[in-house]
Amino acid sequence: MSTTDTPEYKIGKQLYAYQHGAIDEIFKRLKDHPARYNLLYQLPTGGGKTVIFSEIARRYIEATGKKVLILTHRIELCGQTAQMLKEFGVKNKVINSAVKEMPVPNDYMCYVAMVETLNNRLRDKILNLDSIGLMIVDEAHYNSFGKLFKFYEKGVVLGVTATPLSSNIDIRMRDNYDELIVGESISSLIETGFLARATTYHYQVGLTSLKVGRSGDYTVSSSERLYNNYAMQDKLLSAYKEKCIGKKTLIFNNGIATSQYVYVTFKEAGFNIKHLDHTYSTGERKEILQWFKETPGAILTSVSILTTGFDEPTVECIILNRATKSLTLYFQMIGRGSRVLPDKKEFMVIDLGNNMNRFGLWEAPINWFAIFQSPESYLEGILSDEEIERNFKYIMPEELRKKFSNSSSIDFDIPAERRRAMNEGHRPKIVMERSIEQHVKMCTENAAGIDEALVLADLLKEEIEFRVRAYTRFLSKTSESYVKWLQSDYLRKLKVALIRNSHPVDENDPDHSEISETNVLPGEEDSLEVP
């Protein structure tokens, strides 16, 4: 038999006032419901959930003489939980995959186990839960814990989570839990100095090409097609240079290939970066995380593996180089930067997935009771990517704006121009024609010659993509490939117009032919929506 024991104990872990309050509230519920009751407790990442349930385990054992079982979903969390229990003086045993039997009776009053390992032991009747009075479920939003409830029908369950929203969109938390207790809010913990304050910068990203999988979140394959391209890699690197350079940074991606591309991009740019994913061995992971801990300004790009069970207070910048539809994942990623230190009271968040538009700021108030009672209503209320992008407004970066300093106005309101075109009885294509005319004017009045003007035109690529996408939202028949074609065609027509303006032609010359014709776009005549 192989087990992980914790033979040495110490007592004296500090508890804060709000933690004492939460423990008292939980014990009041446990007293009112001594059996067959499932209680859920919510507290933000960084608020000390492990500290709270470790003290609950100690007090429960002391008060009742019954045993406690603590469940986690990752092996790293088992070790961290066992160590925390040790600090509270709770003698505990970690049940790992090598445990083939458990003597009865035994001296241990607390067990720590991964859900899959325990489920296998219960199924094989190597263990039973008859002696357990309290089951504590860490990261309770993972629905995998539900399979154990059938083995445990007499005692009490305490689930703890930062986000009481099931990871399975088909399962509601209130189907497994009778009551929710909401702890301190993120904003409250920031104001009292227990969490660092986040400064969030978001960069608009077109996500309509992403696909949603069976899990309810964006698929890895569609995410990689978007985030692996040069434009997105350049946007990521530029955002880092603009906001995070020199800061210890975590970059979260949706896909190993994307993270590897990020690694190469930053390495070639001369930055100290490493990549980590679930395929790395325990030793490799330990070595990389130690490097990250000890290296000032280090950059670590990863995939999912650091969203839970990872605590590095020195992180100064979180970059979300991905989009997610999971509120839980959103909070988990940002929470990796929220730990405070004597010289760290703030951290930075860079959002490259429109996540802030989807969920709101990390520290914004959220009604967990409403989400617990009716998760469907909450999920239905989340803005779609189309709705988010409809509200986008292009803001030219400050450095680029300097290159167009001779232009007093650079704004162009696509929806307003569309209404104007309709009121004047023009075809929809005139919106793009007027947009090109403005860009021609901007390039010519800020360039000394045609060569400089063409360079400036290339610098407008991001704004061109934004304008074309905004234009195509008013067309009922469009595809992503058609949008891409329009964007490239726009830039081509802009350059043709610049060249034509720089070389005036004699209209009476019989050999003259137009460099570019403005043709009716395929399907455009019938595709404009009726207002």
Protein backbone atom coordinates (compact mmCIF):
# COMPACT_ATOMS: atom_id res chain seq x y z
CA MET A 1 0.00 0.00 0.00
CA SER A 2 1.34 3.40 -0.98
CA THR A 3 -0.07 6.58 0.52
CA THR A 4 0.99 10.12 1.13
CA ASP A 5 0.93 10.86 4.85
CA THR A 6 1.33 14.14 6.73
CA PRO A 7 2.95 13.03 10.03
CA GLU A 8 4.01 16.43 11.32
CA TYR A 9 1.49 19.07 12.37
CA LYS A 10 1.44 22.66 13.44
CA ILE A 11 -1.35 25.00 14.48
CA GLY A 12 -1.43 28.74 14.11
CA LYS A 13 -2.62 29.63 10.60
CA GLN A 14 -4.01 33.16 10.64
CA LEU A 15 -7.67 33.66 9.83
CA TYR A 16 -9.12 37.02 8.86
CA ALA A 17 -12.39 38.47 10.09
CA TYR A 18 -14.34 37.72 6.90
CA GLN A 19 -13.04 34.11 6.99
CA HIS A 20 -14.19 33.70 10.59
CA GLY A 21 -17.58 35.10 9.55
CA ALA A 22 -17.88 32.63 6.67
CA ILE A 23 -16.95 29.68 8.90
CA ASP A 24 -19.53 30.68 11.52
CA GLU A 25 -22.19 31.02 8.83
CA ILE A 26 -21.37 27.60 7.37
CA PHE A 27 -21.41 25.90 10.78
CA LYS A 28 -24.78 27.45 11.52
CA ARG A 29 -26.14 25.75 8.39
CA LEU A 30 -24.46 22.46 9.29
CA LYS A 31 -26.03 22.60 12.75
CA ASP A 32 -29.46 23.22 11.24
CA HIS A 33 -28.97 20.37 8.74
CA PRO A 34 -26.85 17.60 10.34
CA ALA A 35 -27.52 15.09 7.55
CA ARG A 36 -28.53 14.79 3.88
CA TYR A 37 -27.85 18.43 3.08
CA ASN A 38 -25.66 19.88 0.32
CA LEU A 39 -24.34 23.38 0.95
CA LEU A 40 -22.42 25.52 -1.58
CA TYR A 41 -20.04 28.33 -0.57
CA GLN A 42 -18.75 30.93 -3.03
CA LEU A 43 -15.58 33.00 -2.53
CA PRO A 44 -13.37 34.66 -5.19
CA THR A 45 -10.04 33.19 -6.22
CA GLY A 46 -7.44 34.46 -3.75
CA GLY A 47 -9.95 34.83 -0.92
CA GLY A 48 -8.67 31.77 0.92
CA LYS A 49 -11.17 28.98 0.23
CA THR A 50 -8.62 26.29 1.21
CA VAL A 51 -7.90 28.08 4.48
CA ILE A 52 -11.62 28.25 5.27
CA PHE A 53 -12.49 24.63 4.55
CA SER A 54 -9.34 23.41 6.36
CA GLU A 55 -10.48 25.18 9.52
CA ILE A 56 -14.00 23.82 8.97
CA ALA A 57 -12.55 20.29 8.77
CA ARG A 58 -10.62 20.82 12.02
CA ARG A 59 -13.61 22.20 13.89
CA TYR A 60 -16.00 19.60 12.51
CA ILE A 61 -13.80 16.70 13.59
CA GLU A 62 -13.30 18.29 17.01
CA ALA A 63 -17.02 18.97 17.52
CA THR A 64 -18.51 15.74 16.14
CA GLY A 65 -15.78 13.11 16.22
CA LYS A 66 -16.75 12.20 12.65
CA LYS A 67 -14.39 11.90 9.70
CA VAL A 68 -14.02 14.39 6.82
CA LEU A 69 -13.36 13.67 3.14
CA ILE A 70 -11.99 16.43 0.89
CA LEU A 71 -12.25 16.00 -2.89
CA THR A 72 -10.23 17.79 -5.56
CA HIS A 73 -10.06 17.41 -9.34
CA ARG A 74 -6.27 17.67 -9.79
CA ILE A 75 -3.33 15.90 -8.20
CA GLU A 76 -1.56 19.20 -7.47
CA LEU A 77 -4.53 20.37 -5.42
CA CYS A 78 -4.39 17.18 -3.35
CA GLY A 79 -0.87 17.99 -2.19
CA GLN A 80 -1.66 21.64 -1.51
CA THR A 81 -4.78 20.71 0.46
CA ALA A 82 -2.92 18.11 2.52
CA GLN A 83 -0.26 20.68 3.39
CA MET A 84 -2.86 23.26 4.42
CA LEU A 85 -4.63 20.72 6.64
CA LYS A 86 -1.28 19.96 8.21
CA GLU A 87 -0.88 23.62 9.11
CA PHE A 88 -4.24 23.46 10.88
CA GLY A 89 -3.25 20.39 12.85
CA VAL A 90 -5.50 17.99 10.92
CA LYS A 91 -3.96 14.54 10.55
CA ASN A 92 -4.81 13.51 7.00
CA LYS A 93 -4.07 10.91 4.36
CA VAL A 94 -3.96 11.46 0.61
CA ILE A 95 -5.54 8.56 -1.24
CA ASN A 96 -3.67 8.28 -4.52
CA SER A 97 -3.83 5.84 -7.41
CA ALA A 98 -1.48 3.39 -5.67
CA VAL A 99 -3.84 2.87 -2.74
CA LYS A 100 -5.32 -0.61 -3.18
CA GLU A 101 -6.82 -1.05 0.28
CA MET A 102 -7.67 0.92 3.37
CA PRO A 103 -7.56 -0.74 6.83
CA VAL A 104 -10.66 -0.29 8.95
CA PRO A 105 -10.50 1.11 11.52
CA ASN A 106 -7.60 3.59 11.13
CA ASP A 107 -6.33 6.67 12.95
CA TYR A 108 -6.96 9.16 10.16
CA MET A 109 -9.85 11.57 10.65
CA CYS A 110 -9.46 13.28 7.26
CA TYR A 111 -8.88 11.96 3.75
CA VAL A 112 -7.89 13.91 0.65
CA ALA A 113 -8.54 12.36 -2.77
CA MET A 114 -9.00 13.09 -6.44
CA VAL A 115 -12.52 12.47 -7.62
CA GLU A 116 -11.62 9.85 -10.26
CA THR A 117 -9.32 7.93 -7.92
CA LEU A 118 -11.93 7.81 -5.19
CA ASN A 119 -14.69 6.88 -7.62
CA ASN A 120 -12.65 3.88 -8.79
CA ARG A 121 -11.98 2.76 -5.20
CA LEU A 122 -15.65 3.06 -4.30
CA ARG A 123 -16.75 1.22 -7.42
CA ASP A 124 -14.32 -1.60 -6.65
CA LYS A 125 -15.54 -1.61 -3.02
CA ILE A 126 -12.03 -1.04 -1.71
CA LEU A 127 -13.37 1.94 0.22
CA ASN A 128 -16.72 3.06 1.56
CA LEU A 129 -17.98 6.36 2.91
CA ASP A 130 -19.98 5.07 5.86
CA SER A 131 -17.63 6.68 8.40
CA ILE A 132 -17.62 10.09 6.67
CA GLY A 133 -19.72 12.80 8.30
CA LEU A 134 -18.71 15.70 6.03
CA MET A 135 -17.62 15.70 2.40
CA ILE A 136 -15.91 18.90 1.20
CA VAL A 137 -15.77 19.40 -2.58
CA ASP A 138 -13.12 21.84 -3.81
CA GLU A 139 -13.75 23.59 -7.17
CA ALA A 140 -17.32 22.34 -6.89
CA HIS A 141 -18.37 23.79 -10.26
CA TYR A 142 -16.75 20.78 -11.97
CA ASN A 143 -19.68 18.44 -12.51
CA SER A 144 -17.49 15.31 -12.26
CA PHE A 145 -18.06 15.31 -8.49
CA GLY A 146 -21.74 14.47 -8.93
CA LYS A 147 -20.96 10.81 -9.66
CA LEU A 148 -19.80 10.37 -6.05
CA PHE A 149 -23.01 11.58 -4.45
CA LYS A 150 -24.69 8.20 -5.02
CA PHE A 151 -22.13 6.64 -2.66
CA TYR A 152 -22.77 9.26 -0.01
CA GLU A 153 -26.41 9.70 0.92
CA LYS A 154 -26.32 10.09 4.70
CA GLY A 155 -23.83 12.85 5.44
CA VAL A 156 -23.42 16.52 4.58
CA VAL A 157 -21.69 17.96 1.51
CA LEU A 158 -19.94 21.35 1.47
CA GLY A 159 -18.99 22.52 -2.02
CA VAL A 160 -16.65 25.49 -2.42
CA THR A 161 -16.09 27.46 -5.61
CA ALA A 162 -15.28 30.91 -6.91
CA THR A 163 -18.02 30.63 -9.52
CA PRO A 164 -21.25 28.73 -8.70
CA LEU A 165 -21.92 28.00 -12.38
CA SER A 166 -21.56 24.41 -13.55
CA SER A 167 -18.83 23.58 -16.06
CA ASN A 168 -21.46 21.48 -17.83
CA ILE A 169 -24.10 23.67 -19.46
CA ASP A 170 -26.64 20.85 -19.09
CA ILE A 171 -26.23 20.56 -15.30
CA ARG A 172 -27.33 23.22 -12.82
CA MET A 173 -25.51 23.67 -9.51
CA ARG A 174 -28.83 23.82 -7.68
CA ASP A 175 -29.59 20.30 -8.91
CA ASN A 176 -26.81 19.06 -6.61
CA TYR A 177 -26.82 21.73 -3.88
CA ASP A 178 -29.67 22.84 -1.64
CA GLU A 179 -28.37 26.29 -0.71
CA LEU A 180 -25.76 28.88 -1.70
CA ILE A 181 -23.78 31.08 0.68
CA VAL A 182 -22.07 34.01 -1.06
CA GLY A 183 -18.84 35.25 0.49
CA GLU A 184 -16.95 38.52 0.13
CA SER A 185 -17.00 40.16 -3.30
CA ILE A 186 -13.89 40.85 -5.35
CA SER A 187 -14.33 44.60 -4.96
CA SER A 188 -14.63 44.23 -1.17
CA LEU A 189 -11.46 42.13 -0.99
CA ILE A 190 -9.65 44.72 -3.09
CA GLU A 191 -10.77 47.59 -0.86
CA THR A 192 -9.66 45.76 2.28
CA GLY A 193 -6.28 44.90 0.77
CA PHE A 194 -6.72 41.14 0.38
CA LEU A 195 -6.67 41.18 -3.44
CA ALA A 196 -4.68 43.30 -5.89
CA ARG A 197 -6.50 45.84 -8.05
CA ALA A 198 -6.71 45.05 -11.77
CA THR A 199 -6.22 47.57 -14.54
CA THR A 200 -7.78 46.12 -17.68
CA TYR A 201 -6.98 46.99 -21.28
CA HIS A 202 -9.04 45.39 -24.03
CA TYR A 203 -8.21 45.22 -27.72
CA GLN A 204 -11.05 44.68 -30.16
CA VAL A 205 -10.84 41.36 -31.98
CA GLY A 206 -13.14 39.99 -34.68
CA LEU A 207 -14.33 36.62 -33.38
CA THR A 208 -17.15 35.76 -35.78
CA SER A 209 -14.96 33.05 -37.38
CA LEU A 210 -14.83 31.10 -34.10
CA LYS A 211 -16.92 27.96 -33.67
CA VAL A 212 -18.60 26.80 -30.45
CA GLY A 213 -18.19 23.14 -29.50
CA ARG A 214 -20.33 20.72 -27.51
CA SER A 215 -18.86 22.01 -24.24
CA GLY A 216 -20.36 25.43 -24.95
CA ASP A 217 -16.96 27.08 -25.38
CA TYR A 218 -14.96 27.98 -28.50
CA THR A 219 -13.25 25.04 -30.19
CA VAL A 220 -9.49 24.77 -30.13
CA SER A 221 -9.28 24.33 -33.91
CA SER A 222 -11.20 27.52 -34.76
CA SER A 223 -9.32 29.46 -32.06
CA GLU A 224 -5.98 28.35 -33.45
CA ARG A 225 -6.93 29.37 -36.97
CA LEU A 226 -7.59 32.89 -35.67
CA TYR A 227 -4.87 33.34 -33.06
CA ASN A 228 -2.06 31.64 -34.97
CA ASN A 229 -2.16 34.11 -37.85
CA TYR A 230 0.45 36.81 -38.18
CA ALA A 231 -1.94 39.71 -37.51
CA MET A 232 -3.04 38.32 -34.12
CA GLN A 233 0.50 37.39 -33.11
CA ASP A 234 1.59 40.92 -33.99
CA LYS A 235 -1.32 42.40 -32.02
CA LEU A 236 -0.32 40.30 -28.99
CA LEU A 237 3.33 41.33 -29.19
CA SER A 238 2.41 44.99 -29.67
CA ALA A 239 0.06 44.89 -26.67
CA TYR A 240 2.80 43.38 -24.52
CA LYS A 241 5.32 46.01 -25.61
CA GLU A 242 2.82 48.80 -25.04
CA LYS A 243 1.55 47.75 -21.60
CA CYS A 244 3.47 44.87 -20.00
CA ILE A 245 7.11 45.08 -21.02
CA GLY A 246 9.39 44.23 -18.12
CA LYS A 247 6.52 42.79 -16.03
CA LYS A 248 6.24 39.14 -15.03
CA THR A 249 3.56 37.92 -17.42
CA LEU A 250 1.26 34.93 -17.85
CA ILE A 251 -0.24 34.39 -21.31
CA PHE A 252 -3.30 32.12 -21.59
CA ASN A 253 -4.09 30.47 -24.94
CA ASN A 254 -6.71 28.06 -26.30
CA GLY A 255 -4.53 25.45 -27.97
CA ILE A 256 -0.97 24.14 -27.75
CA ALA A 257 -0.08 25.28 -31.26
CA THR A 258 -1.06 28.87 -30.43
CA SER A 259 1.07 28.85 -27.29
CA GLN A 260 4.01 27.50 -29.27
CA TYR A 261 3.56 30.24 -31.88
CA VAL A 262 3.52 32.80 -29.06
CA TYR A 263 6.75 31.33 -27.71
CA VAL A 264 8.49 31.63 -31.09
CA THR A 265 7.14 35.16 -31.70
CA PHE A 266 8.38 36.47 -28.36
CA LYS A 267 11.67 34.55 -28.52
CA GLU A 268 12.47 36.02 -31.93
CA ALA A 269 11.67 39.46 -30.52
CA GLY A 270 14.34 38.91 -27.85
CA PHE A 271 12.11 38.30 -24.81
CA ASN A 272 12.71 35.77 -22.02
CA ILE A 273 9.81 33.35 -22.44
CA LYS A 274 8.95 29.69 -21.90
CA HIS A 275 6.02 27.52 -23.00
CA LEU A 276 4.15 25.01 -20.81
CA ASP A 277 1.31 22.57 -21.53
CA HIS A 278 -0.12 19.33 -20.11
CA THR A 279 2.22 17.13 -22.17
CA TYR A 280 5.21 18.21 -20.08
CA SER A 281 6.45 15.84 -17.37
CA THR A 282 6.13 16.68 -13.68
CA GLY A 283 9.86 17.40 -13.55
CA GLU A 284 9.77 19.70 -16.59
CA ARG A 285 6.79 21.56 -15.19
CA LYS A 286 8.47 22.00 -11.82
CA GLU A 287 11.64 23.32 -13.47
CA ILE A 288 9.74 25.82 -15.64
CA LEU A 289 7.61 27.11 -12.76
CA GLN A 290 10.72 27.53 -10.60
CA TRP A 291 12.34 29.52 -13.42
CA PHE A 292 9.22 31.65 -13.69
CA LYS A 293 9.16 32.28 -9.95
CA GLU A 294 12.81 33.33 -9.74
CA THR A 295 13.13 35.33 -12.98
CA PRO A 296 12.15 39.04 -12.94
CA GLY A 297 10.11 40.00 -16.01
CA ALA A 298 9.70 36.36 -17.09
CA ILE A 299 6.98 35.48 -19.61
CA LEU A 300 5.17 32.13 -19.45
CA THR A 301 2.79 31.10 -22.21
CA SER A 302 0.51 28.17 -21.45
CA VAL A 303 -2.67 26.24 -22.23
CA SER A 304 -5.25 25.65 -19.45
CA ILE A 305 -2.78 24.00 -17.07
CA LEU A 306 -2.27 27.09 -14.86
CA THR A 307 -5.91 28.10 -14.39
CA THR A 308 -6.22 26.16 -11.10
CA GLY A 309 -3.75 24.80 -8.54
CA PHE A 310 -1.17 27.44 -9.43
CA ASP A 311 -0.27 30.25 -7.08
CA GLU A 312 2.50 32.70 -7.97
CA PRO A 313 1.95 36.07 -6.25
CA THR A 314 4.73 37.79 -8.25
CA VAL A 315 2.65 37.73 -11.49
CA GLU A 316 2.20 41.33 -12.64
CA CYS A 317 0.40 40.95 -15.96
CA ILE A 318 -2.24 38.54 -17.26
CA ILE A 319 -2.78 38.33 -21.02
CA LEU A 320 -5.92 36.58 -22.26
CA ASN A 321 -4.76 35.59 -25.73
CA ARG A 322 -8.00 33.74 -26.26
CA ALA A 323 -11.74 34.13 -26.12
CA THR A 324 -13.90 32.06 -23.80
CA LYS A 325 -17.60 31.67 -23.14
CA SER A 326 -16.85 30.25 -19.68
CA LEU A 327 -17.37 32.73 -16.86
CA THR A 328 -15.50 30.36 -14.54
CA LEU A 329 -12.44 30.24 -16.78
CA TYR A 330 -12.51 34.03 -17.16
CA PHE A 331 -12.31 34.48 -13.38
CA GLN A 332 -9.74 31.72 -12.97
CA MET A 333 -7.33 33.20 -15.52
CA ILE A 334 -7.47 36.73 -14.16
CA GLY A 335 -7.32 35.45 -10.59
CA ARG A 336 -3.77 34.18 -11.20
CA GLY A 337 -2.59 37.78 -10.99
CA SER A 338 -4.69 38.92 -8.03
CA ARG A 339 -2.45 37.83 -5.15
CA VAL A 340 -1.04 40.70 -3.10
CA LEU A 341 2.51 41.25 -1.84
CA PRO A 342 3.95 44.03 0.34
CA ASP A 343 5.19 45.74 -2.84
CA LYS A 344 2.40 44.56 -5.16
CA LYS A 345 -1.09 46.02 -4.82
CA GLU A 346 -2.01 46.17 -8.50
CA PHE A 347 -1.73 44.03 -11.62
CA MET A 348 -2.61 44.36 -15.27
CA VAL A 349 -5.00 42.45 -17.54
CA ILE A 350 -4.71 42.50 -21.33
CA ASP A 351 -7.83 41.13 -23.03
CA LEU A 352 -7.46 39.93 -26.63
CA GLY A 353 -10.71 37.96 -26.76
CA ASN A 354 -13.50 40.49 -26.12
CA ASN A 355 -13.96 38.73 -22.76
CA MET A 356 -14.48 41.98 -20.85
CA ASN A 357 -17.30 42.90 -23.24
CA ARG A 358 -18.82 39.47 -22.69
CA PHE A 359 -18.61 39.22 -18.88
CA GLY A 360 -17.81 42.70 -17.62
CA LEU A 361 -14.80 43.77 -15.59
CA TRP A 362 -13.32 41.15 -13.27
CA GLU A 363 -14.11 43.24 -10.18
CA ALA A 364 -17.63 44.26 -11.26
CA PRO A 365 -20.59 43.18 -9.06
CA ILE A 366 -22.23 39.91 -10.02
CA ASN A 367 -25.43 38.35 -8.73
CA TRP A 368 -24.35 34.82 -7.81
CA PHE A 369 -27.71 34.02 -6.26
CA ALA A 370 -29.45 34.69 -9.57
CA ILE A 371 -26.91 32.59 -11.47
CA PHE A 372 -27.31 29.74 -8.96
CA GLN A 373 -31.11 29.82 -9.28
CA SER A 374 -31.33 30.33 -13.03
CA PRO A 375 -28.07 29.75 -14.92
CA GLU A 376 -30.01 29.50 -18.17
CA SER A 377 -31.17 33.12 -17.89
CA TYR A 378 -27.62 34.28 -17.24
CA LEU A 379 -26.17 32.34 -20.17
CA GLU A 380 -28.90 33.56 -22.51
CA GLY A 381 -28.12 37.16 -21.51
CA ILE A 382 -24.46 36.99 -22.52
CA LEU A 383 -23.84 39.08 -25.62
CA SER A 384 -23.04 37.21 -28.80
CA ASP A 385 -19.87 38.01 -30.74
CA GLU A 386 -21.95 39.75 -33.40
CA GLU A 387 -23.60 41.97 -30.78
CA ILE A 388 -20.26 42.80 -29.19
CA GLU A 389 -18.64 43.67 -32.50
CA ARG A 390 -21.62 45.78 -33.52
CA ASN A 391 -20.71 48.15 -30.69
CA PHE A 392 -17.03 48.34 -31.61
CA LYS A 393 -15.54 51.72 -32.42
CA TYR A 394 -12.15 51.83 -34.07
CA ILE A 395 -9.65 53.99 -32.22
CA MET A 396 -6.43 54.57 -34.06
CA PRO A 397 -3.38 53.81 -31.90
CA GLU A 398 -1.56 56.91 -30.68
CA GLU A 399 1.67 56.10 -32.52
CA LEU A 400 -0.20 55.57 -35.80
CA ARG A 401 -2.25 58.73 -35.31
CA LYS A 402 1.00 60.73 -35.30
CA LYS A 403 1.69 59.54 -38.85
CA PHE A 404 -1.62 61.12 -39.92
CA SER A 405 -1.16 64.33 -37.92
CA ASN A 406 -1.92 66.54 -40.94
CA SER A 407 -5.46 65.15 -41.09
CA SER A 408 -7.85 67.06 -38.85
CA SER A 409 -10.48 64.30 -38.99
CA ILE A 410 -9.93 60.58 -39.39
CA ASP A 411 -13.30 59.27 -38.17
CA PHE A 412 -15.74 57.51 -40.47
CA ASP A 413 -19.06 56.27 -39.09
CA ILE A 414 -20.14 53.28 -41.20
CA PRO A 415 -23.71 53.00 -39.79
CA ALA A 416 -24.25 56.77 -40.24
CA GLU A 417 -22.91 56.62 -43.80
CA ARG A 418 -25.16 53.67 -44.52
CA ARG A 419 -28.22 55.65 -43.38
CA ARG A 420 -27.11 58.63 -45.42
CA ALA A 421 -26.73 56.45 -48.53
CA MET A 422 -30.21 55.03 -48.12
CA ASN A 423 -31.75 58.46 -47.55
CA GLU A 424 -30.07 59.74 -50.72
CA GLY A 425 -31.19 56.73 -52.73
CA HIS A 426 -27.68 55.44 -53.42
CA ARG A 427 -26.54 51.86 -53.73
CA PRO A 428 -24.82 50.41 -50.62
CA LYS A 429 -21.42 50.32 -52.35
CA ILE A 430 -21.16 54.12 -52.05
CA VAL A 431 -20.37 53.69 -48.34
CA MET A 432 -17.11 51.88 -49.21
CA GLU A 433 -16.39 54.34 -52.03
CA ARG A 434 -16.65 57.29 -49.62
CA SER A 435 -14.52 55.46 -47.08
CA ILE A 436 -11.81 54.90 -49.70
CA GLU A 437 -11.99 58.57 -50.68
CA GLN A 438 -11.34 59.59 -47.08
CA HIS A 439 -8.40 57.20 -46.79
CA VAL A 440 -6.96 58.54 -50.05
CA LYS A 441 -7.16 62.06 -48.62
CA MET A 442 -5.51 60.96 -45.35
CA CYS A 443 -2.63 59.24 -47.14
CA THR A 444 -1.95 62.03 -49.64
CA GLU A 445 -2.01 64.89 -47.14
CA ASN A 446 0.45 63.09 -44.84
CA ALA A 447 2.90 61.84 -47.46
CA ALA A 448 5.61 63.61 -49.47
CA GLY A 449 5.09 61.32 -52.47
CA ILE A 450 3.42 58.21 -53.80
CA ASP A 451 5.86 55.82 -52.11
CA GLU A 452 5.11 57.26 -48.67
CA ALA A 453 1.40 57.30 -49.43
CA LEU A 454 1.43 53.59 -50.28
CA VAL A 455 3.28 52.82 -47.05
CA LEU A 456 0.64 54.76 -45.11
CA ALA A 457 -2.08 52.80 -46.89
CA ASP A 458 -0.60 49.54 -45.60
CA LEU A 459 -0.62 50.96 -42.08
CA LEU A 460 -4.39 51.41 -42.36
CA LYS A 461 -4.92 47.66 -42.75
CA GLU A 462 -6.49 47.16 -39.29
CA GLU A 463 -8.87 50.09 -39.74
CA ILE A 464 -9.78 48.86 -43.22
CA GLU A 465 -10.64 45.43 -41.82
CA PHE A 466 -12.77 47.09 -39.15
CA ARG A 467 -14.67 49.29 -41.64
CA VAL A 468 -15.33 46.45 -44.06
CA ARG A 469 -16.59 44.16 -41.30
CA ALA A 470 -18.86 46.95 -40.00
CA TYR A 471 -20.16 47.45 -43.56
CA THR A 472 -20.90 43.77 -44.14
CA ARG A 473 -23.03 43.56 -40.99
CA PHE A 474 -25.72 45.35 -42.96
CA LEU A 475 -25.61 42.69 -45.68
CA SER A 476 -27.78 39.63 -45.17
CA LYS A 477 -25.69 37.31 -47.34
CA THR A 478 -22.05 37.27 -46.34
CA SER A 479 -19.45 34.66 -45.46
CA GLU A 480 -16.09 34.96 -43.74
CA SER A 481 -14.28 34.35 -47.03
CA TYR A 482 -16.34 37.09 -48.67
CA VAL A 483 -15.46 39.52 -45.87
CA LYS A 484 -11.76 38.68 -46.31
CA TRP A 485 -12.04 39.24 -50.05
CA LEU A 486 -13.70 42.63 -49.53
CA GLN A 487 -10.95 43.67 -47.14
CA SER A 488 -8.17 42.82 -49.57
CA ASP A 489 -10.10 44.37 -52.46
CA TYR A 490 -10.56 47.59 -50.43
CA LEU A 491 -6.79 47.92 -49.89
CA ARG A 492 -6.16 47.21 -53.58
CA LYS A 493 -8.63 49.91 -54.66
CA LEU A 494 -7.12 52.36 -52.17
CA LYS A 495 -3.64 51.86 -53.62
CA VAL A 496 -4.92 52.09 -57.19
CA ALA A 497 -6.64 55.38 -56.32
CA LEU A 498 -3.43 56.75 -54.76
CA ILE A 499 -1.39 55.83 -57.84
CA ARG A 500 -4.02 57.34 -60.15
CA ASN A 501 -4.04 60.58 -58.16
CA SER A 502 -0.26 60.81 -58.30
CA HIS A 503 -0.23 60.33 -62.10
CA PRO A 504 -3.06 62.38 -63.64
CA VAL A 505 -4.13 61.07 -67.04
CA ASP A 506 -5.50 62.80 -70.09
CA GLU A 507 -9.13 61.75 -70.36
CA ASN A 508 -9.00 62.52 -74.12
CA ASP A 509 -6.15 60.07 -74.65
CA PRO A 510 -7.66 57.23 -76.74
CA ASP A 511 -5.24 54.75 -75.13
CA HIS A 512 -6.42 55.69 -71.62
CA SER A 513 -8.30 53.11 -69.65
CA GLU A 514 -9.42 53.21 -66.06
CA ILE A 515 -6.96 51.68 -63.65
CA SER A 516 -9.82 50.47 -61.47
CA GLU A 517 -13.52 50.16 -61.97
CA THR A 518 -16.02 50.23 -59.15
CA ASN A 519 -18.17 47.23 -59.86
CA VAL A 520 -21.30 46.03 -58.15
CA LEU A 521 -20.23 43.53 -55.52
CA PRO A 522 -21.56 39.96 -55.85
CA GLY A 523 -25.02 39.65 -54.35
CA GLU A 524 -24.93 43.17 -52.96
CA GLU A 525 -27.96 44.56 -54.73
CA ASP A 526 -30.35 42.19 -52.98
CA SER A 527 -28.58 41.86 -49.66
CA LEU A 528 -29.07 45.19 -47.92
CA GLU A 529 -31.32 44.78 -44.90
CA VAL A 530 -34.50 46.77 -44.70
CA PRO A 531 -34.23 49.23 -41.78
